[in-house]
Every structure is written in C-alpha cells, then in structure tokens.
Amino acid sequence: MPKFIGDSKVPVMEFCEYCWEVLNEDGTCPTKGCIHNDLMELEKDDADVTSQA
C-alpha cells in the first residue's frame, strides 16, 4: 500500500537506504544481492522467534 503525506493523494516514493533504488511495493529492493533484502529477512526471522515465546 503506498504511503501518503498528510491529505496528499500523491504517493511518496521510498528508496533503498543502501543502493538508492526505488523499493518495490512490498518494501523489497529490486537490486539483486542488495543487503536491504537480507536485513528484511533477518528482521522477519527475529520477529518470528520473539513472538513464539
């Protein structure tokens, strides 16, 4: 889902903080091998581990 600022109907573009490519709609980076996607997986794994306790 696109993000908006205030009442604006213009979506805000989100960029990868590592390679500055425009992120996909699901928040992943389109650059193959970018650390952004690896870090997203680690955060997801950490959330899964902490939620099971």
N, C-alpha and C. Protein backbone atom coordinates (compact mmCIF):
# COMPACT_ATOMS: atom_id res chain seq x y z
N MET A 1 0.84 -1.17 0.00
CA MET A 1 0.00 0.00 0.00
C MET A 1 0.89 1.24 0.00
N PRO A 2 0.66 2.16 -0.92
CA PRO A 2 1.50 3.36 -0.97
C PRO A 2 1.28 4.26 0.24
N LYS A 3 2.34 4.97 0.61
CA LYS A 3 2.26 5.90 1.73
C LYS A 3 2.01 7.31 1.21
N PHE A 4 1.29 8.11 1.98
CA PHE A 4 0.97 9.48 1.60
C PHE A 4 1.37 10.41 2.73
N ILE A 5 1.66 11.65 2.40
CA ILE A 5 1.96 12.66 3.40
C ILE A 5 0.72 13.53 3.57
N GLY A 6 0.21 13.60 4.80
CA GLY A 6 -0.96 14.43 5.09
C GLY A 6 -2.16 14.04 4.25
N ASP A 7 -2.84 15.03 3.69
CA ASP A 7 -4.03 14.78 2.88
C ASP A 7 -3.69 14.62 1.40
N SER A 8 -2.43 14.61 1.06
CA SER A 8 -1.99 14.49 -0.32
C SER A 8 -2.41 13.15 -0.90
N LYS A 9 -2.77 13.14 -2.15
CA LYS A 9 -3.12 11.90 -2.85
C LYS A 9 -1.97 11.44 -3.74
N VAL A 10 -0.81 12.10 -3.61
CA VAL A 10 0.37 11.72 -4.38
C VAL A 10 1.20 10.77 -3.52
N PRO A 11 1.44 9.55 -4.00
CA PRO A 11 2.20 8.60 -3.20
C PRO A 11 3.65 9.04 -3.02
N VAL A 12 4.22 8.70 -1.88
CA VAL A 12 5.61 9.01 -1.57
C VAL A 12 6.47 7.85 -2.06
N MET A 13 7.52 8.18 -2.80
CA MET A 13 8.43 7.14 -3.27
C MET A 13 9.38 6.77 -2.14
N GLU A 14 9.61 5.49 -1.97
CA GLU A 14 10.55 5.02 -0.95
C GLU A 14 11.77 4.46 -1.64
N PHE A 15 12.94 4.79 -1.09
CA PHE A 15 14.21 4.37 -1.68
C PHE A 15 14.97 3.46 -0.74
N CYS A 16 15.75 2.57 -1.32
CA CYS A 16 16.64 1.71 -0.55
C CYS A 16 17.73 2.59 0.05
N GLU A 17 17.97 2.41 1.35
CA GLU A 17 18.99 3.24 2.00
C GLU A 17 20.41 2.77 1.69
N TYR A 18 20.56 1.67 0.98
CA TYR A 18 21.89 1.15 0.67
C TYR A 18 22.30 1.39 -0.78
N CYS A 19 21.37 1.25 -1.73
CA CYS A 19 21.73 1.43 -3.14
C CYS A 19 20.88 2.51 -3.83
N TRP A 20 19.95 3.08 -3.12
CA TRP A 20 19.09 4.19 -3.59
C TRP A 20 18.17 3.85 -4.76
N GLU A 21 17.89 2.57 -4.97
CA GLU A 21 16.88 2.17 -5.95
C GLU A 21 15.50 2.39 -5.35
N VAL A 22 14.49 2.60 -6.19
CA VAL A 22 13.12 2.73 -5.71
C VAL A 22 12.65 1.35 -5.26
N LEU A 23 12.11 1.27 -4.04
CA LEU A 23 11.68 -0.01 -3.48
C LEU A 23 10.43 -0.53 -4.19
N ASN A 24 10.29 -1.85 -4.22
CA ASN A 24 9.09 -2.48 -4.74
C ASN A 24 7.92 -2.19 -3.80
N GLU A 25 6.72 -2.46 -4.24
CA GLU A 25 5.54 -2.19 -3.41
C GLU A 25 5.55 -2.98 -2.10
N ASP A 26 6.18 -4.14 -2.09
CA ASP A 26 6.24 -4.95 -0.86
C ASP A 26 7.39 -4.55 0.06
N GLY A 27 8.14 -3.50 -0.31
CA GLY A 27 9.22 -2.99 0.52
C GLY A 27 10.57 -3.61 0.25
N THR A 28 10.63 -4.55 -0.68
CA THR A 28 11.91 -5.17 -1.02
C THR A 28 12.64 -4.32 -2.06
N CYS A 29 13.94 -4.51 -2.12
CA CYS A 29 14.78 -3.79 -3.07
C CYS A 29 14.85 -4.58 -4.38
N PRO A 30 14.74 -3.90 -5.52
CA PRO A 30 14.81 -4.61 -6.80
C PRO A 30 16.23 -5.01 -7.21
N THR A 31 17.25 -4.49 -6.53
CA THR A 31 18.63 -4.81 -6.88
C THR A 31 18.99 -6.19 -6.35
N LYS A 32 19.41 -7.05 -7.25
CA LYS A 32 19.76 -8.42 -6.88
C LYS A 32 20.98 -8.39 -5.96
N GLY A 33 20.91 -9.09 -4.84
CA GLY A 33 22.01 -9.19 -3.91
C GLY A 33 22.14 -8.00 -2.95
N CYS A 34 21.18 -7.09 -2.95
CA CYS A 34 21.25 -5.94 -2.05
C CYS A 34 21.04 -6.39 -0.60
N ILE A 35 21.82 -5.83 0.29
CA ILE A 35 21.74 -6.21 1.70
C ILE A 35 20.39 -5.83 2.32
N HIS A 36 19.68 -4.89 1.73
CA HIS A 36 18.37 -4.46 2.23
C HIS A 36 17.44 -5.66 2.37
N ASN A 37 17.40 -6.50 1.35
CA ASN A 37 16.51 -7.67 1.38
C ASN A 37 16.96 -8.68 2.44
N ASP A 38 18.27 -8.85 2.59
CA ASP A 38 18.79 -9.77 3.62
C ASP A 38 18.42 -9.28 5.01
N LEU A 39 18.54 -7.98 5.23
CA LEU A 39 18.20 -7.42 6.54
C LEU A 39 16.71 -7.53 6.82
N MET A 40 15.88 -7.39 5.79
CA MET A 40 14.43 -7.57 5.98
C MET A 40 14.12 -8.99 6.43
N GLU A 41 14.82 -9.97 5.83
CA GLU A 41 14.62 -11.37 6.21
C GLU A 41 15.05 -11.60 7.65
N LEU A 42 16.16 -11.00 8.06
CA LEU A 42 16.62 -11.16 9.44
C LEU A 42 15.64 -10.56 10.43
N GLU A 43 15.09 -9.39 10.10
CA GLU A 43 14.09 -8.77 10.98
C GLU A 43 12.85 -9.64 11.08
N LYS A 44 12.44 -10.23 9.96
CA LYS A 44 11.27 -11.11 9.96
C LYS A 44 11.54 -12.34 10.83
N ASP A 45 12.74 -12.92 10.68
CA ASP A 45 13.11 -14.09 11.47
C ASP A 45 13.14 -13.75 12.96
N ASP A 46 13.69 -12.59 13.31
CA ASP A 46 13.75 -12.16 14.71
C ASP A 46 12.35 -11.98 15.28
N ALA A 47 11.44 -11.43 14.49
CA ALA A 47 10.06 -11.22 14.95
C ALA A 47 9.38 -12.56 15.19
N ASP A 48 9.66 -13.53 14.33
CA ASP A 48 9.06 -14.86 14.49
C ASP A 48 9.58 -15.54 15.77
N VAL A 49 10.84 -15.38 16.06
CA VAL A 49 11.43 -16.01 17.24
C VAL A 49 10.87 -15.40 18.51
N THR A 50 10.77 -14.08 18.56
CA THR A 50 10.28 -13.43 19.77
C THR A 50 8.77 -13.61 19.96
N SER A 51 8.04 -13.81 18.89
CA SER A 51 6.58 -13.97 19.04
C SER A 51 6.19 -15.37 19.52
N GLN A 52 7.10 -16.35 19.41
CA GLN A 52 6.78 -17.71 19.83
C GLN A 52 6.90 -17.91 21.34
N ALA A 53 7.57 -17.03 22.01
CA ALA A 53 7.79 -17.20 23.45
C ALA A 53 6.57 -16.92 24.29
